[in-house]
Amino acid sequence: MLLFLFSEQMIYLCIMVLRIKEVARSRGITMRQIAKKLNTNYQTITHYNSGFRTPTLGKLKDIANILNCEIHELIETSEEYAHFYDNKTSQWLGIRKK
């Protein structure tokens, strides 16, 4: 995730790579199904996933609700952190240092 915050007079740039496809796959949901539930097109969802477009917080919450997950689970971590899951239940346990 790349985030630049400046004063009100300056430009705000946020490039956020998401894990929508990875989380959806683990739940047996396709990107097309997410797009349909959000009344948007498949390309928009793939652009969110790749960081080409950034969803609003509301849209991110909607995606998390569809996938029955926390918003944090959808956000890619830096190289020194990782998402951890329970090996038996596949339940998301959070983000931790590797």
PDB file of N, CA and C in Angstrom:
ATOM      1  N   MET A   1       0.836  -1.154   0.000  1.00  0.00           N
ATOM      2  CA  MET A   1       0.000   0.000   0.000  1.00  0.00           C
ATOM      3  C   MET A   1       0.889   1.226   0.000  1.00  0.00           C
ATOM      4  N   LEU A   2       0.557   2.170  -0.838  1.00  0.00           N
ATOM      5  CA  LEU A   2       1.288   3.426  -0.931  1.00  0.00           C
ATOM      6  C   LEU A   2       0.319   4.531  -0.594  1.00  0.00           C
ATOM      7  N   LEU A   3       0.665   5.355   0.363  1.00  0.00           N
ATOM      8  CA  LEU A   3      -0.248   6.395   0.802  1.00  0.00           C
ATOM      9  C   LEU A   3       0.506   7.685   1.022  1.00  0.00           C
ATOM     10  N   PHE A   4       0.075   8.740   0.363  1.00  0.00           N
ATOM     11  CA  PHE A   4       0.659  10.052   0.552  1.00  0.00           C
ATOM     12  C   PHE A   4      -0.434  10.975   1.060  1.00  0.00           C
ATOM     13  N   LEU A   5      -0.218  11.594   2.191  1.00  0.00           N
ATOM     14  CA  LEU A   5      -1.168  12.566   2.715  1.00  0.00           C
ATOM     15  C   LEU A   5      -0.464  13.903   2.823  1.00  0.00           C
ATOM     16  N   PHE A   6      -1.040  14.921   2.243  1.00  0.00           N
ATOM     17  CA  PHE A   6      -0.471  16.253   2.284  1.00  0.00           C
ATOM     18  C   PHE A   6      -1.490  17.207   2.880  1.00  0.00           C
ATOM     19  N   SER A   7      -1.145  18.454   2.946  1.00  0.00           N
ATOM     20  CA  SER A   7      -2.086  19.454   3.452  1.00  0.00           C
ATOM     21  C   SER A   7      -3.283  19.555   2.508  1.00  0.00           C
ATOM     22  N   GLU A   8      -4.307  20.275   2.914  1.00  0.00           N
ATOM     23  CA  GLU A   8      -5.534  20.378   2.134  1.00  0.00           C
ATOM     24  C   GLU A   8      -5.301  20.939   0.739  1.00  0.00           C
ATOM     25  N   GLN A   9      -4.268  21.735   0.557  1.00  0.00           N
ATOM     26  CA  GLN A   9      -4.002  22.343  -0.741  1.00  0.00           C
ATOM     27  C   GLN A   9      -3.265  21.406  -1.689  1.00  0.00           C
ATOM     28  N   MET A  10      -2.766  20.300  -1.184  1.00  0.00           N
ATOM     29  CA  MET A  10      -1.956  19.414  -2.017  1.00  0.00           C
ATOM     30  C   MET A  10      -2.741  18.177  -2.425  1.00  0.00           C
ATOM     31  N   ILE A  11      -2.147  17.393  -3.266  1.00  0.00           N
ATOM     32  CA  ILE A  11      -2.778  16.207  -3.842  1.00  0.00           C
ATOM     33  C   ILE A  11      -2.700  15.027  -2.877  1.00  0.00           C
ATOM     34  N   TYR A  12      -3.749  14.241  -2.840  1.00  0.00           N
ATOM     35  CA  TYR A  12      -3.825  13.013  -2.055  1.00  0.00           C
ATOM     36  C   TYR A  12      -3.723  11.846  -3.028  1.00  0.00           C
ATOM     37  N   LEU A  13      -2.787  10.958  -2.815  1.00  0.00           N
ATOM     38  CA  LEU A  13      -2.595   9.804  -3.690  1.00  0.00           C
ATOM     39  C   LEU A  13      -2.607   8.544  -2.843  1.00  0.00           C
ATOM     40  N   CYS A  14      -3.408   7.622  -3.230  1.00  0.00           N
ATOM     41  CA  CYS A  14      -3.483   6.362  -2.494  1.00  0.00           C
ATOM     42  C   CYS A  14      -3.556   5.222  -3.499  1.00  0.00           C
ATOM     43  N   ILE A  15      -2.581   4.362  -3.455  1.00  0.00           N
ATOM     44  CA  ILE A  15      -2.602   3.149  -4.265  1.00  0.00           C
ATOM     45  C   ILE A  15      -2.658   1.995  -3.286  1.00  0.00           C
ATOM     46  N   MET A  16      -3.779   1.298  -3.294  1.00  0.00           N
ATOM     47  CA  MET A  16      -3.984   0.231  -2.334  1.00  0.00           C
ATOM     48  C   MET A  16      -4.221  -1.072  -3.086  1.00  0.00           C
ATOM     49  N   VAL A  17      -3.348  -2.019  -2.898  1.00  0.00           N
ATOM     50  CA  VAL A  17      -3.523  -3.329  -3.517  1.00  0.00           C
ATOM     51  C   VAL A  17      -4.343  -4.172  -2.551  1.00  0.00           C
ATOM     52  N   LEU A  18      -5.410  -4.742  -3.064  1.00  0.00           N
ATOM     53  CA  LEU A  18      -6.310  -5.529  -2.228  1.00  0.00           C
ATOM     54  C   LEU A  18      -6.179  -7.021  -2.511  1.00  0.00           C
ATOM     55  N   ARG A  19      -6.746  -7.809  -1.631  1.00  0.00           N
ATOM     56  CA  ARG A  19      -6.705  -9.268  -1.730  1.00  0.00           C
ATOM     57  C   ARG A  19      -8.104  -9.832  -1.996  1.00  0.00           C
ATOM     58  N   ILE A  20      -8.898  -9.110  -2.747  1.00  0.00           N
ATOM     59  CA  ILE A  20     -10.281  -9.535  -2.974  1.00  0.00           C
ATOM     60  C   ILE A  20     -10.322 -10.917  -3.606  1.00  0.00           C
ATOM     61  N   LYS A  21      -9.551 -11.123  -4.656  1.00  0.00           N
ATOM     62  CA  LYS A  21      -9.576 -12.399  -5.380  1.00  0.00           C
ATOM     63  C   LYS A  21      -9.150 -13.554  -4.478  1.00  0.00           C
ATOM     64  N   GLU A  22      -8.087 -13.348  -3.715  1.00  0.00           N
ATOM     65  CA  GLU A  22      -7.579 -14.395  -2.821  1.00  0.00           C
ATOM     66  C   GLU A  22      -8.605 -14.761  -1.752  1.00  0.00           C
ATOM     67  N   VAL A  23      -9.197 -13.757  -1.122  1.00  0.00           N
ATOM     68  CA  VAL A  23     -10.179 -14.012  -0.067  1.00  0.00           C
ATOM     69  C   VAL A  23     -11.446 -14.625  -0.667  1.00  0.00           C
ATOM     70  N   ALA A  24     -11.875 -14.115  -1.804  1.00  0.00           N
ATOM     71  CA  ALA A  24     -13.062 -14.661  -2.462  1.00  0.00           C
ATOM     72  C   ALA A  24     -12.862 -16.134  -2.821  1.00  0.00           C
ATOM     73  N   ARG A  25     -11.715 -16.448  -3.369  1.00  0.00           N
ATOM     74  CA  ARG A  25     -11.413 -17.836  -3.754  1.00  0.00           C
ATOM     75  C   ARG A  25     -11.492 -18.760  -2.542  1.00  0.00           C
ATOM     76  N   SER A  26     -10.980 -18.295  -1.405  1.00  0.00           N
ATOM     77  CA  SER A  26     -10.999 -19.127  -0.192  1.00  0.00           C
ATOM     78  C   SER A  26     -12.421 -19.370   0.306  1.00  0.00           C
ATOM     79  N   ARG A  27     -13.349 -18.543  -0.129  1.00  0.00           N
ATOM     80  CA  ARG A  27     -14.741 -18.683   0.288  1.00  0.00           C
ATOM     81  C   ARG A  27     -15.638 -19.236  -0.818  1.00  0.00           C
ATOM     82  N   GLY A  28     -15.029 -19.597  -1.938  1.00  0.00           N
ATOM     83  CA  GLY A  28     -15.795 -20.176  -3.041  1.00  0.00           C
ATOM     84  C   GLY A  28     -16.657 -19.172  -3.780  1.00  0.00           C
ATOM     85  N   ILE A  29     -16.239 -17.915  -3.776  1.00  0.00           N
ATOM     86  CA  ILE A  29     -16.979 -16.848  -4.450  1.00  0.00           C
ATOM     87  C   ILE A  29     -16.110 -16.298  -5.577  1.00  0.00           C
ATOM     88  N   THR A  30     -16.718 -16.008  -6.715  1.00  0.00           N
ATOM     89  CA  THR A  30     -15.961 -15.475  -7.843  1.00  0.00           C
ATOM     90  C   THR A  30     -16.013 -13.948  -7.843  1.00  0.00           C
ATOM     91  N   MET A  31     -15.090 -13.350  -8.550  1.00  0.00           N
ATOM     92  CA  MET A  31     -15.070 -11.902  -8.703  1.00  0.00           C
ATOM     93  C   MET A  31     -16.330 -11.434  -9.444  1.00  0.00           C
ATOM     94  N   ARG A  32     -16.808 -12.232 -10.379  1.00  0.00           N
ATOM     95  CA  ARG A  32     -18.036 -11.891 -11.105  1.00  0.00           C
ATOM     96  C   ARG A  32     -19.244 -11.876 -10.174  1.00  0.00           C
ATOM     97  N   GLN A  33     -19.293 -12.812  -9.227  1.00  0.00           N
ATOM     98  CA  GLN A  33     -20.394 -12.826  -8.265  1.00  0.00           C
ATOM     99  C   GLN A  33     -20.357 -11.578  -7.374  1.00  0.00           C
ATOM    100  N   ILE A  34     -19.162 -11.167  -6.991  1.00  0.00           N
ATOM    101  CA  ILE A  34     -19.022  -9.945  -6.183  1.00  0.00           C
ATOM    102  C   ILE A  34     -19.522  -8.748  -6.980  1.00  0.00           C
ATOM    103  N   ALA A  35     -19.092  -8.654  -8.230  1.00  0.00           N
ATOM    104  CA  ALA A  35     -19.513  -7.546  -9.096  1.00  0.00           C
ATOM    105  C   ALA A  35     -21.033  -7.508  -9.224  1.00  0.00           C
ATOM    106  N   LYS A  36     -21.637  -8.658  -9.425  1.00  0.00           N
ATOM    107  CA  LYS A  36     -23.092  -8.721  -9.574  1.00  0.00           C
ATOM    108  C   LYS A  36     -23.792  -8.247  -8.309  1.00  0.00           C
ATOM    109  N   LYS A  37     -23.314  -8.682  -7.151  1.00  0.00           N
ATOM    110  CA  LYS A  37     -23.926  -8.281  -5.879  1.00  0.00           C
ATOM    111  C   LYS A  37     -23.755  -6.790  -5.613  1.00  0.00           C
ATOM    112  N   LEU A  38     -22.703  -6.197  -6.171  1.00  0.00           N
ATOM    113  CA  LEU A  38     -22.451  -4.765  -5.985  1.00  0.00           C
ATOM    114  C   LEU A  38     -23.070  -3.911  -7.095  1.00  0.00           C
ATOM    115  N   ASN A  39     -23.742  -4.574  -8.038  1.00  0.00           N
ATOM    116  CA  ASN A  39     -24.306  -3.862  -9.189  1.00  0.00           C
ATOM    117  C   ASN A  39     -23.245  -3.069  -9.946  1.00  0.00           C
ATOM    118  N   THR A  40     -22.125  -3.695 -10.154  1.00  0.00           N
ATOM    119  CA  THR A  40     -21.043  -3.078 -10.916  1.00  0.00           C
ATOM    120  C   THR A  40     -20.500  -4.112 -11.883  1.00  0.00           C
ATOM    121  N   ASN A  41     -19.497  -3.752 -12.651  1.00  0.00           N
ATOM    122  CA  ASN A  41     -18.967  -4.725 -13.607  1.00  0.00           C
ATOM    123  C   ASN A  41     -17.711  -5.414 -13.060  1.00  0.00           C
ATOM    124  N   TYR A  42     -17.410  -6.526 -13.678  1.00  0.00           N
ATOM    125  CA  TYR A  42     -16.266  -7.352 -13.293  1.00  0.00           C
ATOM    126  C   TYR A  42     -14.960  -6.562 -13.340  1.00  0.00           C
ATOM    127  N   GLN A  43     -14.794  -5.723 -14.350  1.00  0.00           N
ATOM    128  CA  GLN A  43     -13.556  -4.964 -14.521  1.00  0.00           C
ATOM    129  C   GLN A  43     -13.309  -4.025 -13.331  1.00  0.00           C
ATOM    130  N   THR A  44     -14.356  -3.436 -12.800  1.00  0.00           N
ATOM    131  CA  THR A  44     -14.200  -2.556 -11.637  1.00  0.00           C
ATOM    132  C   THR A  44     -13.630  -3.330 -10.453  1.00  0.00           C
ATOM    133  N   ILE A  45     -14.133  -4.511 -10.219  1.00  0.00           N
ATOM    134  CA  ILE A  45     -13.650  -5.334  -9.098  1.00  0.00           C
ATOM    135  C   ILE A  45     -12.198  -5.745  -9.322  1.00  0.00           C
ATOM    136  N   THR A  46     -11.854  -6.118 -10.548  1.00  0.00           N
ATOM    137  CA  THR A  46     -10.458  -6.490 -10.813  1.00  0.00           C
ATOM    138  C   THR A  46      -9.539  -5.279 -10.676  1.00  0.00           C
ATOM    139  N   HIS A  47     -10.029  -4.105 -11.028  1.00  0.00           N
ATOM    140  CA  HIS A  47      -9.224  -2.883 -10.848  1.00  0.00           C
ATOM    141  C   HIS A  47      -9.027  -2.575  -9.361  1.00  0.00           C
ATOM    142  N   TYR A  48     -10.048  -2.802  -8.538  1.00  0.00           N
ATOM    143  CA  TYR A  48      -9.885  -2.642  -7.087  1.00  0.00           C
ATOM    144  C   TYR A  48      -8.821  -3.609  -6.584  1.00  0.00           C
ATOM    145  N   ASN A  49      -8.903  -4.839  -7.036  1.00  0.00           N
ATOM    146  CA  ASN A  49      -7.992  -5.880  -6.562  1.00  0.00           C
ATOM    147  C   ASN A  49      -6.541  -5.578  -6.920  1.00  0.00           C
ATOM    148  N   SER A  50      -6.313  -5.013  -8.094  1.00  0.00           N
ATOM    149  CA  SER A  50      -4.944  -4.764  -8.569  1.00  0.00           C
ATOM    150  C   SER A  50      -4.364  -3.432  -8.108  1.00  0.00           C
ATOM    151  N   GLY A  51      -5.220  -2.564  -7.553  1.00  0.00           N
ATOM    152  CA  GLY A  51      -4.748  -1.249  -7.142  1.00  0.00           C
ATOM    153  C   GLY A  51      -4.865  -0.195  -8.233  1.00  0.00           C
ATOM    154  N   PHE A  52      -5.413  -0.586  -9.381  1.00  0.00           N
ATOM    155  CA  PHE A  52      -5.602   0.369 -10.475  1.00  0.00           C
ATOM    156  C   PHE A  52      -6.646   1.419 -10.108  1.00  0.00           C
ATOM    157  N   ARG A  53      -7.636   0.995  -9.329  1.00  0.00           N
ATOM    158  CA  ARG A  53      -8.650   1.904  -8.781  1.00  0.00           C
ATOM    159  C   ARG A  53      -8.755   1.646  -7.292  1.00  0.00           C
ATOM    160  N   THR A  54      -9.132   2.666  -6.545  1.00  0.00           N
ATOM    161  CA  THR A  54      -9.297   2.524  -5.101  1.00  0.00           C
ATOM    162  C   THR A  54     -10.777   2.652  -4.752  1.00  0.00           C
ATOM    163  N   PRO A  55     -11.342   1.634  -4.098  1.00  0.00           N
ATOM    164  CA  PRO A  55     -12.758   1.727  -3.732  1.00  0.00           C
ATOM    165  C   PRO A  55     -12.954   2.698  -2.566  1.00  0.00           C
ATOM    166  N   THR A  56     -14.149   3.227  -2.464  1.00  0.00           N
ATOM    167  CA  THR A  56     -14.483   4.046  -1.303  1.00  0.00           C
ATOM    168  C   THR A  56     -14.538   3.130  -0.080  1.00  0.00           C
ATOM    169  N   LEU A  57     -14.503   3.716   1.089  1.00  0.00           N
ATOM    170  CA  LEU A  57     -14.604   2.919   2.309  1.00  0.00           C
ATOM    171  C   LEU A  57     -15.931   2.165   2.333  1.00  0.00           C
ATOM    172  N   GLY A  58     -16.988   2.814   1.886  1.00  0.00           N
ATOM    173  CA  GLY A  58     -18.290   2.153   1.835  1.00  0.00           C
ATOM    174  C   GLY A  58     -18.286   0.942   0.927  1.00  0.00           C
ATOM    175  N   LYS A  59     -17.650   1.079  -0.239  1.00  0.00           N
ATOM    176  CA  LYS A  59     -17.569  -0.032  -1.187  1.00  0.00           C
ATOM    177  C   LYS A  59     -16.716  -1.166  -0.615  1.00  0.00           C
ATOM    178  N   LEU A  60     -15.635  -0.798   0.077  1.00  0.00           N
ATOM    179  CA  LEU A  60     -14.777  -1.800   0.703  1.00  0.00           C
ATOM    180  C   LEU A  60     -15.552  -2.562   1.781  1.00  0.00           C
ATOM    181  N   LYS A  61     -16.375  -1.853   2.541  1.00  0.00           N
ATOM    182  CA  LYS A  61     -17.222  -2.501   3.554  1.00  0.00           C
ATOM    183  C   LYS A  61     -18.214  -3.449   2.886  1.00  0.00           C
ATOM    184  N   ASP A  62     -18.799  -3.021   1.759  1.00  0.00           N
ATOM    185  CA  ASP A  62     -19.741  -3.876   1.030  1.00  0.00           C
ATOM    186  C   ASP A  62     -19.058  -5.161   0.562  1.00  0.00           C
ATOM    187  N   ILE A  63     -17.850  -5.042   0.041  1.00  0.00           N
ATOM    188  CA  ILE A  63     -17.103  -6.222  -0.418  1.00  0.00           C
ATOM    189  C   ILE A  63     -16.807  -7.139   0.761  1.00  0.00           C
ATOM    190  N   ALA A  64     -16.388  -6.569   1.876  1.00  0.00           N
ATOM    191  CA  ALA A  64     -16.106  -7.369   3.073  1.00  0.00           C
ATOM    192  C   ALA A  64     -17.372  -8.091   3.549  1.00  0.00           C
ATOM    193  N   ASN A  65     -18.510  -7.413   3.497  1.00  0.00           N
ATOM    194  CA  ASN A  65     -19.776  -8.052   3.898  1.00  0.00           C
ATOM    195  C   ASN A  65     -20.121  -9.213   2.977  1.00  0.00           C
ATOM    196  N   ILE A  66     -19.936  -9.030   1.680  1.00  0.00           N
ATOM    197  CA  ILE A  66     -20.207 -10.104   0.720  1.00  0.00           C
ATOM    198  C   ILE A  66     -19.322 -11.313   1.013  1.00  0.00           C
ATOM    199  N   LEU A  67     -18.071 -11.040   1.368  1.00  0.00           N
ATOM    200  CA  LEU A  67     -17.113 -12.121   1.622  1.00  0.00           C
ATOM    201  C   LEU A  67     -17.128 -12.595   3.076  1.00  0.00           C
ATOM    202  N   ASN A  68     -17.969 -11.964   3.890  1.00  0.00           N
ATOM    203  CA  ASN A  68     -18.066 -12.317   5.304  1.00  0.00           C
ATOM    204  C   ASN A  68     -16.690 -12.268   5.972  1.00  0.00           C
ATOM    205  N   CYS A  69     -16.025 -11.118   5.832  1.00  0.00           N
ATOM    206  CA  CYS A  69     -14.700 -10.952   6.401  1.00  0.00           C
ATOM    207  C   CYS A  69     -14.520  -9.537   6.936  1.00  0.00           C
ATOM    208  N   GLU A  70     -13.438  -9.314   7.633  1.00  0.00           N
ATOM    209  CA  GLU A  70     -13.082  -7.988   8.103  1.00  0.00           C
ATOM    210  C   GLU A  70     -12.424  -7.217   6.954  1.00  0.00           C
ATOM    211  N   ILE A  71     -12.561  -5.910   6.942  1.00  0.00           N
ATOM    212  CA  ILE A  71     -11.914  -5.094   5.914  1.00  0.00           C
ATOM    213  C   ILE A  71     -10.418  -5.331   5.912  1.00  0.00           C
ATOM    214  N   HIS A  72      -9.818  -5.467   7.082  1.00  0.00           N
ATOM    215  CA  HIS A  72      -8.368  -5.668   7.191  1.00  0.00           C
ATOM    216  C   HIS A  72      -7.886  -6.887   6.419  1.00  0.00           C
ATOM    217  N   GLU A  73      -8.742  -7.894   6.335  1.00  0.00           N
ATOM    218  CA  GLU A  73      -8.352  -9.116   5.615  1.00  0.00           C
ATOM    219  C   GLU A  73      -8.196  -8.856   4.118  1.00  0.00           C
ATOM    220  N   LEU A  74      -8.834  -7.827   3.625  1.00  0.00           N
ATOM    221  CA  LEU A  74      -8.783  -7.521   2.193  1.00  0.00           C
ATOM    222  C   LEU A  74      -7.571  -6.692   1.800  1.00  0.00           C
ATOM    223  N   ILE A  75      -6.863  -6.145   2.767  1.00  0.00           N
ATOM    224  CA  ILE A  75      -5.760  -5.238   2.474  1.00  0.00           C
ATOM    225  C   ILE A  75      -4.430  -5.992   2.476  1.00  0.00           C
ATOM    226  N   GLU A  76      -3.673  -5.820   1.412  1.00  0.00           N
ATOM    227  CA  GLU A  76      -2.359  -6.458   1.292  1.00  0.00           C
ATOM    228  C   GLU A  76      -1.405  -5.862   2.329  1.00  0.00           C
ATOM    229  N   THR A  77      -0.543  -6.690   2.868  1.00  0.00           N
ATOM    230  CA  THR A  77       0.419  -6.246   3.878  1.00  0.00           C
ATOM    231  C   THR A  77       1.769  -5.920   3.241  1.00  0.00           C
ATOM    232  N   SER A  78       2.638  -5.324   4.036  1.00  0.00           N
ATOM    233  CA  SER A  78       4.009  -5.108   3.581  1.00  0.00           C
ATOM    234  C   SER A  78       4.742  -6.445   3.654  1.00  0.00           C
ATOM    235  N   GLU A  79       5.962  -6.484   3.170  1.00  0.00           N
ATOM    236  CA  GLU A  79       6.724  -7.732   3.102  1.00  0.00           C
ATOM    237  C   GLU A  79       7.042  -8.329   4.467  1.00  0.00           C
ATOM    238  N   GLU A  80       7.136  -7.514   5.502  1.00  0.00           N
ATOM    239  CA  GLU A  80       7.501  -8.056   6.808  1.00  0.00           C
ATOM    240  C   GLU A  80       6.306  -8.547   7.622  1.00  0.00           C
ATOM    241  N   TYR A  81       5.093  -8.359   7.095  1.00  0.00           N
ATOM    242  CA  TYR A  81       3.883  -8.822   7.765  1.00  0.00           C
ATOM    243  C   TYR A  81       3.147  -9.805   6.870  1.00  0.00           C
ATOM    244  N   ALA A  82       2.251 -10.580   7.479  1.00  0.00           N
ATOM    245  CA  ALA A  82       1.478 -11.550   6.710  1.00  0.00           C
ATOM    246  C   ALA A  82       0.119 -11.766   7.367  1.00  0.00           C
ATOM    247  N   HIS A  83      -0.828 -12.218   6.554  1.00  0.00           N
ATOM    248  CA  HIS A  83      -2.140 -12.609   7.063  1.00  0.00           C
ATOM    249  C   HIS A  83      -2.007 -14.031   7.592  1.00  0.00           C
ATOM    250  N   PHE A  84      -2.585 -14.305   8.753  1.00  0.00           N
ATOM    251  CA  PHE A  84      -2.518 -15.635   9.344  1.00  0.00           C
ATOM    252  C   PHE A  84      -3.911 -16.223   9.472  1.00  0.00           C
ATOM    253  N   TYR A  85      -4.009 -17.520   9.181  1.00  0.00           N
ATOM    254  CA  TYR A  85      -5.274 -18.248   9.219  1.00  0.00           C
ATOM    255  C   TYR A  85      -5.121 -19.494  10.079  1.00  0.00           C
ATOM    256  N   ASP A  86      -6.208 -19.903  10.703  1.00  0.00           N
ATOM    257  CA  ASP A  86      -6.237 -21.150  11.462  1.00  0.00           C
ATOM    258  C   ASP A  86      -6.151 -22.304  10.464  1.00  0.00           C
ATOM    259  N   ASN A  87      -5.219 -23.222  10.687  1.00  0.00           N
ATOM    260  CA  ASN A  87      -5.016 -24.335   9.746  1.00  0.00           C
ATOM    261  C   ASN A  87      -6.216 -25.269   9.657  1.00  0.00           C
ATOM    262  N   LYS A  88      -6.984 -25.402  10.729  1.00  0.00           N
ATOM    263  CA  LYS A  88      -8.113 -26.326  10.732  1.00  0.00           C
ATOM    264  C   LYS A  88      -9.394 -25.687  10.200  1.00  0.00           C
ATOM    265  N   THR A  89      -9.658 -24.459  10.608  1.00  0.00           N
ATOM    266  CA  THR A  89     -10.934 -23.830  10.256  1.00  0.00           C
ATOM    267  C   THR A  89     -10.823 -22.825   9.120  1.00  0.00           C
ATOM    268  N   SER A  90      -9.626 -22.450   8.750  1.00  0.00           N
ATOM    269  CA  SER A  90      -9.356 -21.416   7.747  1.00  0.00           C
ATOM    270  C   SER A  90      -9.843 -20.043   8.187  1.00  0.00           C
ATOM    271  N   GLN A  91     -10.136 -19.896   9.461  1.00  0.00           N
ATOM    272  CA  GLN A  91     -10.568 -18.600   9.991  1.00  0.00           C
ATOM    273  C   GLN A  91      -9.392 -17.636  10.023  1.00  0.00           C
ATOM    274  N   TRP A  92      -9.652 -16.400   9.607  1.00  0.00           N
ATOM    275  CA  TRP A  92      -8.619 -15.371   9.605  1.00  0.00           C
ATOM    276  C   TRP A  92      -8.283 -14.996  11.038  1.00  0.00           C
ATOM    277  N   LEU A  93      -6.987 -14.997  11.374  1.00  0.00           N
ATOM    278  CA  LEU A  93      -6.547 -14.708  12.737  1.00  0.00           C
ATOM    279  C   LEU A  93      -5.947 -13.310  12.863  1.00  0.00           C
ATOM    280  N   GLY A  94      -5.694 -12.670  11.753  1.00  0.00           N
ATOM    281  CA  GLY A  94      -5.164 -11.313  11.795  1.00  0.00           C
ATOM    282  C   GLY A  94      -3.882 -11.158  11.017  1.00  0.00           C
ATOM    283  N   ILE A  95      -3.294  -9.980  11.167  1.00  0.00           N
ATOM    284  CA  ILE A  95      -2.034  -9.648  10.502  1.00  0.00           C
ATOM    285  C   ILE A  95      -0.962  -9.643  11.563  1.00  0.00           C
ATOM    286  N   ARG A  96       0.132 -10.344  11.298  1.00  0.00           N
ATOM    287  CA  ARG A  96       1.217 -10.437  12.248  1.00  0.00           C
ATOM    288  C   ARG A  96       2.556 -10.327  11.533  1.00  0.00           C
ATOM    289  N   LYS A  97       3.573  -9.987  12.316  1.00  0.00           N
ATOM    290  CA  LYS A  97       4.924  -9.944  11.773  1.00  0.00           C
ATOM    291  C   LYS A  97       5.355 -11.361  11.438  1.00  0.00           C
ATOM    292  N   LYS A  98       6.037 -11.509  10.302  1.00  0.00           N
ATOM    293  CA  LYS A  98       6.510 -12.844   9.871  1.00  0.00           C
ATOM    294  C   LYS A  98       7.577 -13.375  10.787  1.00  0.00           C
TER     295      LYS A  98
END
